[in-house]
Amino acid sequence: MSFGWRHLSPAVVEFLAAHPNLDVDLDLNDRRVDLVSEGYDLAIRIGKLADSSLIARTLAPCRHVVCASPLYLAAHGVPLTPSDLASQNHECLVYSNRPALEQWRFRVNDEWKEAPVTARHLSVNNGDVLRDAAVAGLGLVVLPTFVVGEAVAAGALRVVLGDYEFFDPSIHAIWPPNRQLSAKVRAFVDFLTARFGGVPYWDRPFSHIGRVAGQPPLL
C-alpha cells in the first residue's frame, strides 16, 4: 500500500495523462492476488518471488534501512553492530507481513546473520504507521527507503547500522504467461521501468550511506 500510493499512483496518473485514450483499473492492496483466477493483467510485487509460472520484470531495487528518531537514540543509545539490538534491549517496531527475523538480517563478515529482536514495541502491517511510530520515538524500525526517505531528509529519522548490508528484495512487474502481453500493458511496464530503474529517486537521501546489496555505491 505504501509504495502504491506514494510512487505507483503518481506514475499511473502521469501515464494516463500521456495516453488519454487508455483506462486503468488500479487496485491498491497488500494481499497477494491470483492474477489468473482474478483476471488481472499485471501486478506490482515487492520481495522474493515464489517459484511459479508467472513472468516477472525487475523494476527497481527495494533498499531497506534501520532508523529511529534522534529523541529515541538520545534516550536509548545508538546501536553500532546488529548484536547491539538485543544486548542494549532496543525497542523494535516490526512489519507484521514478514517474519521478524527476516526483517533484521544483516551481512556480517561475508555471512548473512539474523539479529535477535527481543523487544517488539509495535507490530503492524503498514509501513507508514511504522514510520510515524519511529518518528514519535517509539523505537527502531527497518523500512524501505521509499517509505522513510522524506523523514530522513527532514532529520525526523536517523539511519543507523548503515555499514551493514541487508539482503534487499526487488520491486517487480509480473503477469501470467498464458496471457499475451498487450501493447498497452507492455507500454505501461516500459514506462515504469524507465521511471523507477537504475538508482531510484527515493534513494537520493541515502547516497552517503553504505551500499545496496548487489548494486554499485549510490551516487
C-alpha atoms as a PDB file:
ATOM      1  CA  MET A   1       0.000   0.000   0.000  1.00  0.00           C
ATOM      2  CA  SER A   2       2.789   2.441   0.909  1.00  0.00           C
ATOM      3  CA  PHE A   3       4.559   2.010  -2.426  1.00  0.00           C
ATOM      4  CA  GLY A   4       1.232   2.089  -4.237  1.00  0.00           C
ATOM      5  CA  TRP A   5       0.033   5.473  -3.085  1.00  0.00           C
ATOM      6  CA  ARG A   6       3.462   7.100  -2.736  1.00  0.00           C
ATOM      7  CA  HIS A   7       5.074   6.059  -6.019  1.00  0.00           C
ATOM      8  CA  LEU A   8       2.865   3.875  -8.214  1.00  0.00           C
ATOM      9  CA  SER A   9      -0.214   6.140  -8.100  1.00  0.00           C
ATOM     10  CA  PRO A  10       1.666   9.256  -9.342  1.00  0.00           C
ATOM     11  CA  ALA A  11       3.194   7.106 -12.087  1.00  0.00           C
ATOM     12  CA  VAL A  12      -0.258   5.901 -13.188  1.00  0.00           C
ATOM     13  CA  VAL A  13      -1.532   9.485 -13.292  1.00  0.00           C
ATOM     14  CA  GLU A  14       1.433  10.573 -15.435  1.00  0.00           C
ATOM     15  CA  PHE A  15       0.993   7.567 -17.743  1.00  0.00           C
ATOM     16  CA  LEU A  16      -2.723   8.276 -18.249  1.00  0.00           C
ATOM     17  CA  ALA A  17      -2.028  11.950 -18.925  1.00  0.00           C
ATOM     18  CA  ALA A  18       0.271  10.862 -21.758  1.00  0.00           C
ATOM     19  CA  HIS A  19      -2.234   8.257 -23.026  1.00  0.00           C
ATOM     20  CA  PRO A  20      -5.714   9.813 -22.670  1.00  0.00           C
ATOM     21  CA  ASN A  21      -7.439   7.001 -24.595  1.00  0.00           C
ATOM     22  CA  LEU A  22      -6.418   4.324 -22.086  1.00  0.00           C
ATOM     23  CA  ASP A  23      -8.234   3.250 -18.925  1.00  0.00           C
ATOM     24  CA  VAL A  24      -6.606   1.787 -15.810  1.00  0.00           C
ATOM     25  CA  ASP A  25      -8.370  -0.090 -13.015  1.00  0.00           C
ATOM     26  CA  LEU A  26      -5.888   0.278 -10.131  1.00  0.00           C
ATOM     27  CA  ASP A  27      -6.352  -1.920  -7.048  1.00  0.00           C
ATOM     28  CA  LEU A  28      -4.070  -0.973  -4.139  1.00  0.00           C
ATOM     29  CA  ASN A  29      -3.926  -3.945  -1.798  1.00  0.00           C
ATOM     30  CA  ASP A  30      -1.295  -5.705   0.291  1.00  0.00           C
ATOM     31  CA  ARG A  31      -2.785  -9.148  -0.294  1.00  0.00           C
ATOM     32  CA  ARG A  32      -1.213 -11.476  -2.858  1.00  0.00           C
ATOM     33  CA  VAL A  33      -3.769 -11.652  -5.652  1.00  0.00           C
ATOM     34  CA  ASP A  34      -4.183 -14.594  -8.019  1.00  0.00           C
ATOM     35  CA  LEU A  35      -3.592 -12.937 -11.359  1.00  0.00           C
ATOM     36  CA  VAL A  36      -5.058 -15.788 -13.400  1.00  0.00           C
ATOM     37  CA  SER A  37      -8.264 -16.545 -11.494  1.00  0.00           C
ATOM     38  CA  GLU A  38      -8.985 -12.885 -10.657  1.00  0.00           C
ATOM     39  CA  GLY A  39      -8.342 -11.623 -14.169  1.00  0.00           C
ATOM     40  CA  TYR A  40      -5.532  -9.137 -13.512  1.00  0.00           C
ATOM     41  CA  ASP A  41      -3.342  -8.109 -16.443  1.00  0.00           C
ATOM     42  CA  LEU A  42      -0.442  -7.041 -14.256  1.00  0.00           C
ATOM     43  CA  ALA A  43       0.701  -6.853 -10.645  1.00  0.00           C
ATOM     44  CA  ILE A  44       3.491  -4.971  -8.880  1.00  0.00           C
ATOM     45  CA  ARG A  45       5.085  -7.054  -6.130  1.00  0.00           C
ATOM     46  CA  ILE A  46       7.886  -6.351  -3.689  1.00  0.00           C
ATOM     47  CA  GLY A  47      10.001  -9.125  -2.230  1.00  0.00           C
ATOM     48  CA  LYS A  48      11.309 -12.520  -3.144  1.00  0.00           C
ATOM     49  CA  LEU A  49       9.079 -14.085  -5.772  1.00  0.00           C
ATOM     50  CA  ALA A  50       7.820 -17.601  -5.172  1.00  0.00           C
ATOM     51  CA  ASP A  51       8.587 -20.196  -7.823  1.00  0.00           C
ATOM     52  CA  SER A  52       5.729 -20.018 -10.304  1.00  0.00           C
ATOM     53  CA  SER A  53       4.929 -19.766 -13.985  1.00  0.00           C
ATOM     54  CA  LEU A  54       4.421 -16.010 -13.720  1.00  0.00           C
ATOM     55  CA  ILE A  55       6.637 -13.798 -15.858  1.00  0.00           C
ATOM     56  CA  ALA A  56       8.489 -11.047 -13.991  1.00  0.00           C
ATOM     57  CA  ARG A  57      10.457  -7.936 -14.864  1.00  0.00           C
ATOM     58  CA  THR A  58      12.516  -6.191 -12.193  1.00  0.00           C
ATOM     59  CA  LEU A  59      11.611  -2.512 -11.965  1.00  0.00           C
ATOM     60  CA  ALA A  60      13.858  -1.301  -9.137  1.00  0.00           C
ATOM     61  CA  PRO A  61      15.768  -2.363  -6.043  1.00  0.00           C
ATOM     62  CA  CYS A  62      13.951  -2.036  -2.731  1.00  0.00           C
ATOM     63  CA  ARG A  63      16.614  -0.882  -0.305  1.00  0.00           C
ATOM     64  CA  HIS A  64      15.933  -1.156   3.428  1.00  0.00           C
ATOM     65  CA  VAL A  65      17.483   0.829   6.284  1.00  0.00           C
ATOM     66  CA  VAL A  66      17.328   0.768  10.080  1.00  0.00           C
ATOM     67  CA  CYS A  67      16.344   4.093  11.550  1.00  0.00           C
ATOM     68  CA  ALA A  68      14.984   5.804  14.639  1.00  0.00           C
ATOM     69  CA  SER A  69      14.225   9.310  15.815  1.00  0.00           C
ATOM     70  CA  PRO A  70      17.019  11.432  17.312  1.00  0.00           C
ATOM     71  CA  LEU A  71      14.949  11.524  20.521  1.00  0.00           C
ATOM     72  CA  TYR A  72      14.863   7.736  20.774  1.00  0.00           C
ATOM     73  CA  LEU A  73      18.601   7.395  20.062  1.00  0.00           C
ATOM     74  CA  ALA A  74      19.459  10.048  22.637  1.00  0.00           C
ATOM     75  CA  ALA A  75      17.462   8.152  25.266  1.00  0.00           C
ATOM     76  CA  HIS A  76      18.429   4.567  24.380  1.00  0.00           C
ATOM     77  CA  GLY A  77      21.809   4.818  22.666  1.00  0.00           C
ATOM     78  CA  VAL A  78      22.905   4.177  19.082  1.00  0.00           C
ATOM     79  CA  PRO A  79      23.406   0.519  18.086  1.00  0.00           C
ATOM     80  CA  LEU A  80      26.777   0.133  16.384  1.00  0.00           C
ATOM     81  CA  THR A  81      26.510  -3.568  15.492  1.00  0.00           C
ATOM     82  CA  PRO A  82      23.493  -5.838  14.864  1.00  0.00           C
ATOM     83  CA  SER A  83      24.169  -7.644  18.158  1.00  0.00           C
ATOM     84  CA  ASP A  84      23.560  -4.351  19.981  1.00  0.00           C
ATOM     85  CA  LEU A  85      19.855  -4.630  19.132  1.00  0.00           C
ATOM     86  CA  ALA A  86      19.478  -7.374  21.728  1.00  0.00           C
ATOM     87  CA  SER A  87      22.313  -6.521  24.122  1.00  0.00           C
ATOM     88  CA  GLN A  88      21.091  -2.929  24.505  1.00  0.00           C
ATOM     89  CA  ASN A  89      17.471  -4.156  24.707  1.00  0.00           C
ATOM     90  CA  HIS A  90      16.231  -1.848  21.967  1.00  0.00           C
ATOM     91  CA  GLU A  91      12.540  -1.403  21.262  1.00  0.00           C
ATOM     92  CA  CYS A  92      11.988  -2.689  17.737  1.00  0.00           C
ATOM     93  CA  LEU A  93       8.967  -1.916  15.565  1.00  0.00           C
ATOM     94  CA  VAL A  94       8.040  -4.845  13.325  1.00  0.00           C
ATOM     95  CA  TYR A  95       6.295  -5.139   9.954  1.00  0.00           C
ATOM     96  CA  SER A  96       3.867  -7.984  10.579  1.00  0.00           C
ATOM     97  CA  ASN A  97       3.532  -9.111   6.950  1.00  0.00           C
ATOM     98  CA  ARG A  98       7.075 -10.546   7.117  1.00  0.00           C
ATOM     99  CA  PRO A  99       8.764 -12.724   9.746  1.00  0.00           C
ATOM    100  CA  ALA A 100      10.586 -10.534  12.274  1.00  0.00           C
ATOM    101  CA  LEU A 101      13.917 -12.327  11.860  1.00  0.00           C
ATOM    102  CA  GLU A 102      13.713 -11.915   8.100  1.00  0.00           C
ATOM    103  CA  GLN A 103      13.458  -8.150   8.601  1.00  0.00           C
ATOM    104  CA  TRP A 104      16.532  -7.928  10.841  1.00  0.00           C
ATOM    105  CA  ARG A 105      19.027  -9.859   8.684  1.00  0.00           C
ATOM    106  CA  PHE A 106      22.484  -8.396   8.094  1.00  0.00           C
ATOM    107  CA  ARG A 107      25.662  -9.402   6.283  1.00  0.00           C
ATOM    108  CA  VAL A 108      28.359  -9.752   8.938  1.00  0.00           C
ATOM    109  CA  ASN A 109      31.849 -10.839   7.819  1.00  0.00           C
ATOM    110  CA  ASP A 110      30.510 -12.095   4.465  1.00  0.00           C
ATOM    111  CA  GLU A 111      27.806 -14.158   6.163  1.00  0.00           C
ATOM    112  CA  TRP A 112      24.092 -13.464   6.451  1.00  0.00           C
ATOM    113  CA  LYS A 113      23.027 -13.390  10.102  1.00  0.00           C
ATOM    114  CA  GLU A 114      19.708 -12.766  11.776  1.00  0.00           C
ATOM    115  CA  ALA A 115      19.823 -10.334  14.674  1.00  0.00           C
ATOM    116  CA  PRO A 116      17.543 -11.441  17.523  1.00  0.00           C
ATOM    117  CA  VAL A 117      14.853  -8.901  18.263  1.00  0.00           C
ATOM    118  CA  THR A 118      13.758  -9.192  21.868  1.00  0.00           C
ATOM    119  CA  ALA A 119      11.521  -6.143  22.381  1.00  0.00           C
ATOM    120  CA  ARG A 120       8.773  -5.631  19.816  1.00  0.00           C
ATOM    121  CA  HIS A 121       7.093  -2.429  20.879  1.00  0.00           C
ATOM    122  CA  LEU A 122       4.717  -2.381  17.905  1.00  0.00           C
ATOM    123  CA  SER A 123       3.784  -4.882  15.194  1.00  0.00           C
ATOM    124  CA  VAL A 124       1.655  -3.647  12.286  1.00  0.00           C
ATOM    125  CA  ASN A 125       1.107  -4.484   8.623  1.00  0.00           C
ATOM    126  CA  ASN A 126       1.640  -0.975   7.245  1.00  0.00           C
ATOM    127  CA  GLY A 127       4.945   0.794   6.651  1.00  0.00           C
ATOM    128  CA  ASP A 128       3.599   4.317   7.044  1.00  0.00           C
ATOM    129  CA  VAL A 129       2.267   3.534  10.529  1.00  0.00           C
ATOM    130  CA  LEU A 130       5.689   2.118  11.450  1.00  0.00           C
ATOM    131  CA  ARG A 131       7.428   5.229  10.119  1.00  0.00           C
ATOM    132  CA  ASP A 132       5.152   7.507  12.122  1.00  0.00           C
ATOM    133  CA  ALA A 133       5.758   5.421  15.263  1.00  0.00           C
ATOM    134  CA  ALA A 134       9.525   5.675  14.730  1.00  0.00           C
ATOM    135  CA  VAL A 135       9.296   9.451  14.206  1.00  0.00           C
ATOM    136  CA  ALA A 136       7.381   9.638  17.500  1.00  0.00           C
ATOM    137  CA  GLY A 137      10.320   7.986  19.269  1.00  0.00           C
ATOM    138  CA  LEU A 138       8.756   4.579  19.922  1.00  0.00           C
ATOM    139  CA  GLY A 139      11.711   2.529  18.667  1.00  0.00           C
ATOM    140  CA  LEU A 140      13.933   1.311  15.851  1.00  0.00           C
ATOM    141  CA  VAL A 141      12.413   0.215  12.563  1.00  0.00           C
ATOM    142  CA  VAL A 142      13.513  -1.495   9.350  1.00  0.00           C
ATOM    143  CA  LEU A 143      11.717   0.044   6.372  1.00  0.00           C
ATOM    144  CA  PRO A 144      12.223   0.578   2.641  1.00  0.00           C
ATOM    145  CA  THR A 145      13.832   3.847   1.675  1.00  0.00           C
ATOM    146  CA  PHE A 146      10.744   4.729  -0.364  1.00  0.00           C
ATOM    147  CA  VAL A 147       8.805   4.943   2.936  1.00  0.00           C
ATOM    148  CA  VAL A 148      11.317   6.798   5.143  1.00  0.00           C
ATOM    149  CA  GLY A 149      13.167   8.957   2.607  1.00  0.00           C
ATOM    150  CA  GLU A 150      11.341  12.203   3.375  1.00  0.00           C
ATOM    151  CA  ALA A 151      11.608  11.696   7.146  1.00  0.00           C
ATOM    152  CA  VAL A 152      15.354  11.040   6.885  1.00  0.00           C
ATOM    153  CA  ALA A 153      15.887  14.060   4.639  1.00  0.00           C
ATOM    154  CA  ALA A 154      13.972  16.227   7.127  1.00  0.00           C
ATOM    155  CA  GLY A 155      16.003  14.958  10.093  1.00  0.00           C
ATOM    156  CA  ALA A 156      12.962  13.338  11.753  1.00  0.00           C
ATOM    157  CA  LEU A 157      14.655   9.939  11.438  1.00  0.00           C
ATOM    158  CA  ARG A 158      18.327   8.983  11.568  1.00  0.00           C
ATOM    159  CA  VAL A 159      19.765   5.917   9.840  1.00  0.00           C
ATOM    160  CA  VAL A 160      21.834   3.545  11.995  1.00  0.00           C
ATOM    161  CA  LEU A 161      23.788   0.374  11.180  1.00  0.00           C
ATOM    162  CA  GLY A 162      24.343   1.807   7.703  1.00  0.00           C
ATOM    163  CA  ASP A 163      27.626  -0.055   7.261  1.00  0.00           C
ATOM    164  CA  TYR A 164      25.827  -3.412   7.436  1.00  0.00           C
ATOM    165  CA  GLU A 165      24.322  -4.732   4.248  1.00  0.00           C
ATOM    166  CA  PHE A 166      20.759  -6.009   4.051  1.00  0.00           C
ATOM    167  CA  PHE A 167      19.512  -8.643   1.661  1.00  0.00           C
ATOM    168  CA  ASP A 168      17.234  -6.215  -0.125  1.00  0.00           C
ATOM    169  CA  PRO A 169      14.336  -7.509  -2.244  1.00  0.00           C
ATOM    170  CA  SER A 170      13.302  -6.016  -5.565  1.00  0.00           C
ATOM    171  CA  ILE A 171      10.196  -4.407  -6.991  1.00  0.00           C
ATOM    172  CA  HIS A 172       8.761  -6.477  -9.842  1.00  0.00           C
ATOM    173  CA  ALA A 173       6.096  -6.250 -12.500  1.00  0.00           C
ATOM    174  CA  ILE A 174       4.551  -9.689 -13.012  1.00  0.00           C
ATOM    175  CA  TRP A 175       1.968 -11.088 -15.409  1.00  0.00           C
ATOM    176  CA  PRO A 176       0.562 -14.510 -16.358  1.00  0.00           C
ATOM    177  CA  PRO A 177       2.454 -16.431 -19.064  1.00  0.00           C
ATOM    178  CA  ASN A 178      -0.720 -17.636 -20.753  1.00  0.00           C
ATOM    179  CA  ARG A 179      -1.988 -14.094 -21.295  1.00  0.00           C
ATOM    180  CA  GLN A 180      -0.445 -12.282 -24.239  1.00  0.00           C
ATOM    181  CA  LEU A 181       1.068  -9.022 -23.051  1.00  0.00           C
ATOM    182  CA  SER A 182      -0.938  -6.394 -24.888  1.00  0.00           C
ATOM    183  CA  ALA A 183       0.708  -3.335 -26.387  1.00  0.00           C
ATOM    184  CA  LYS A 184      -0.867  -1.080 -23.749  1.00  0.00           C
ATOM    185  CA  VAL A 185       0.298  -3.238 -20.830  1.00  0.00           C
ATOM    186  CA  ARG A 186       3.773  -3.518 -22.343  1.00  0.00           C
ATOM    187  CA  ALA A 187       3.886   0.266 -22.730  1.00  0.00           C
ATOM    188  CA  PHE A 188       2.977   0.666 -19.056  1.00  0.00           C
ATOM    189  CA  VAL A 189       5.675  -1.793 -17.937  1.00  0.00           C
ATOM    190  CA  ASP A 190       8.239   0.005 -20.101  1.00  0.00           C
ATOM    191  CA  PHE A 191       7.124   3.307 -18.575  1.00  0.00           C
ATOM    192  CA  LEU A 192       7.566   2.002 -15.016  1.00  0.00           C
ATOM    193  CA  THR A 193      10.958   0.530 -15.882  1.00  0.00           C
ATOM    194  CA  ALA A 194      12.179   3.891 -17.165  1.00  0.00           C
ATOM    195  CA  ARG A 195      10.670   5.803 -14.221  1.00  0.00           C
ATOM    196  CA  PHE A 196      11.971   3.569 -11.420  1.00  0.00           C
ATOM    197  CA  GLY A 197      15.043   1.933 -12.986  1.00  0.00           C
ATOM    198  CA  GLY A 198      18.695   2.392 -12.049  1.00  0.00           C
ATOM    199  CA  VAL A 199      19.090   4.153  -8.702  1.00  0.00           C
ATOM    200  CA  PRO A 200      15.502   5.173  -7.840  1.00  0.00           C
ATOM    201  CA  TYR A 201      14.814   8.804  -6.995  1.00  0.00           C
ATOM    202  CA  TRP A 202      13.679   7.851  -3.477  1.00  0.00           C
ATOM    203  CA  ASP A 203      17.194   6.597  -2.672  1.00  0.00           C
ATOM    204  CA  ARG A 204      18.801  10.030  -3.124  1.00  0.00           C
ATOM    205  CA  PRO A 205      18.669  10.963   0.587  1.00  0.00           C
ATOM    206  CA  PHE A 206      20.731   7.816   1.277  1.00  0.00           C
ATOM    207  CA  SER A 207      23.536   8.399  -1.240  1.00  0.00           C
ATOM    208  CA  HIS A 208      26.176   8.648   1.507  1.00  0.00           C
ATOM    209  CA  ILE A 209      25.100   5.533   3.425  1.00  0.00           C
ATOM    210  CA  GLY A 210      26.562   2.097   2.798  1.00  0.00           C
ATOM    211  CA  ARG A 211      25.893   0.002  -0.281  1.00  0.00           C
ATOM    212  CA  VAL A 212      22.848  -1.616  -1.808  1.00  0.00           C
ATOM    213  CA  ALA A 213      23.093  -5.408  -1.896  1.00  0.00           C
ATOM    214  CA  GLY A 214      24.357  -6.417  -5.326  1.00  0.00           C
ATOM    215  CA  GLN A 215      24.474  -2.798  -6.520  1.00  0.00           C
ATOM    216  CA  PRO A 216      27.304  -0.276  -7.029  1.00  0.00           C
ATOM    217  CA  PRO A 217      27.712   2.522  -4.484  1.00  0.00           C
ATOM    218  CA  LEU A 218      24.866   5.018  -4.637  1.00  0.00           C
ATOM    219  CA  LEU A 219      25.969   8.273  -6.269  1.00  0.00           C
END
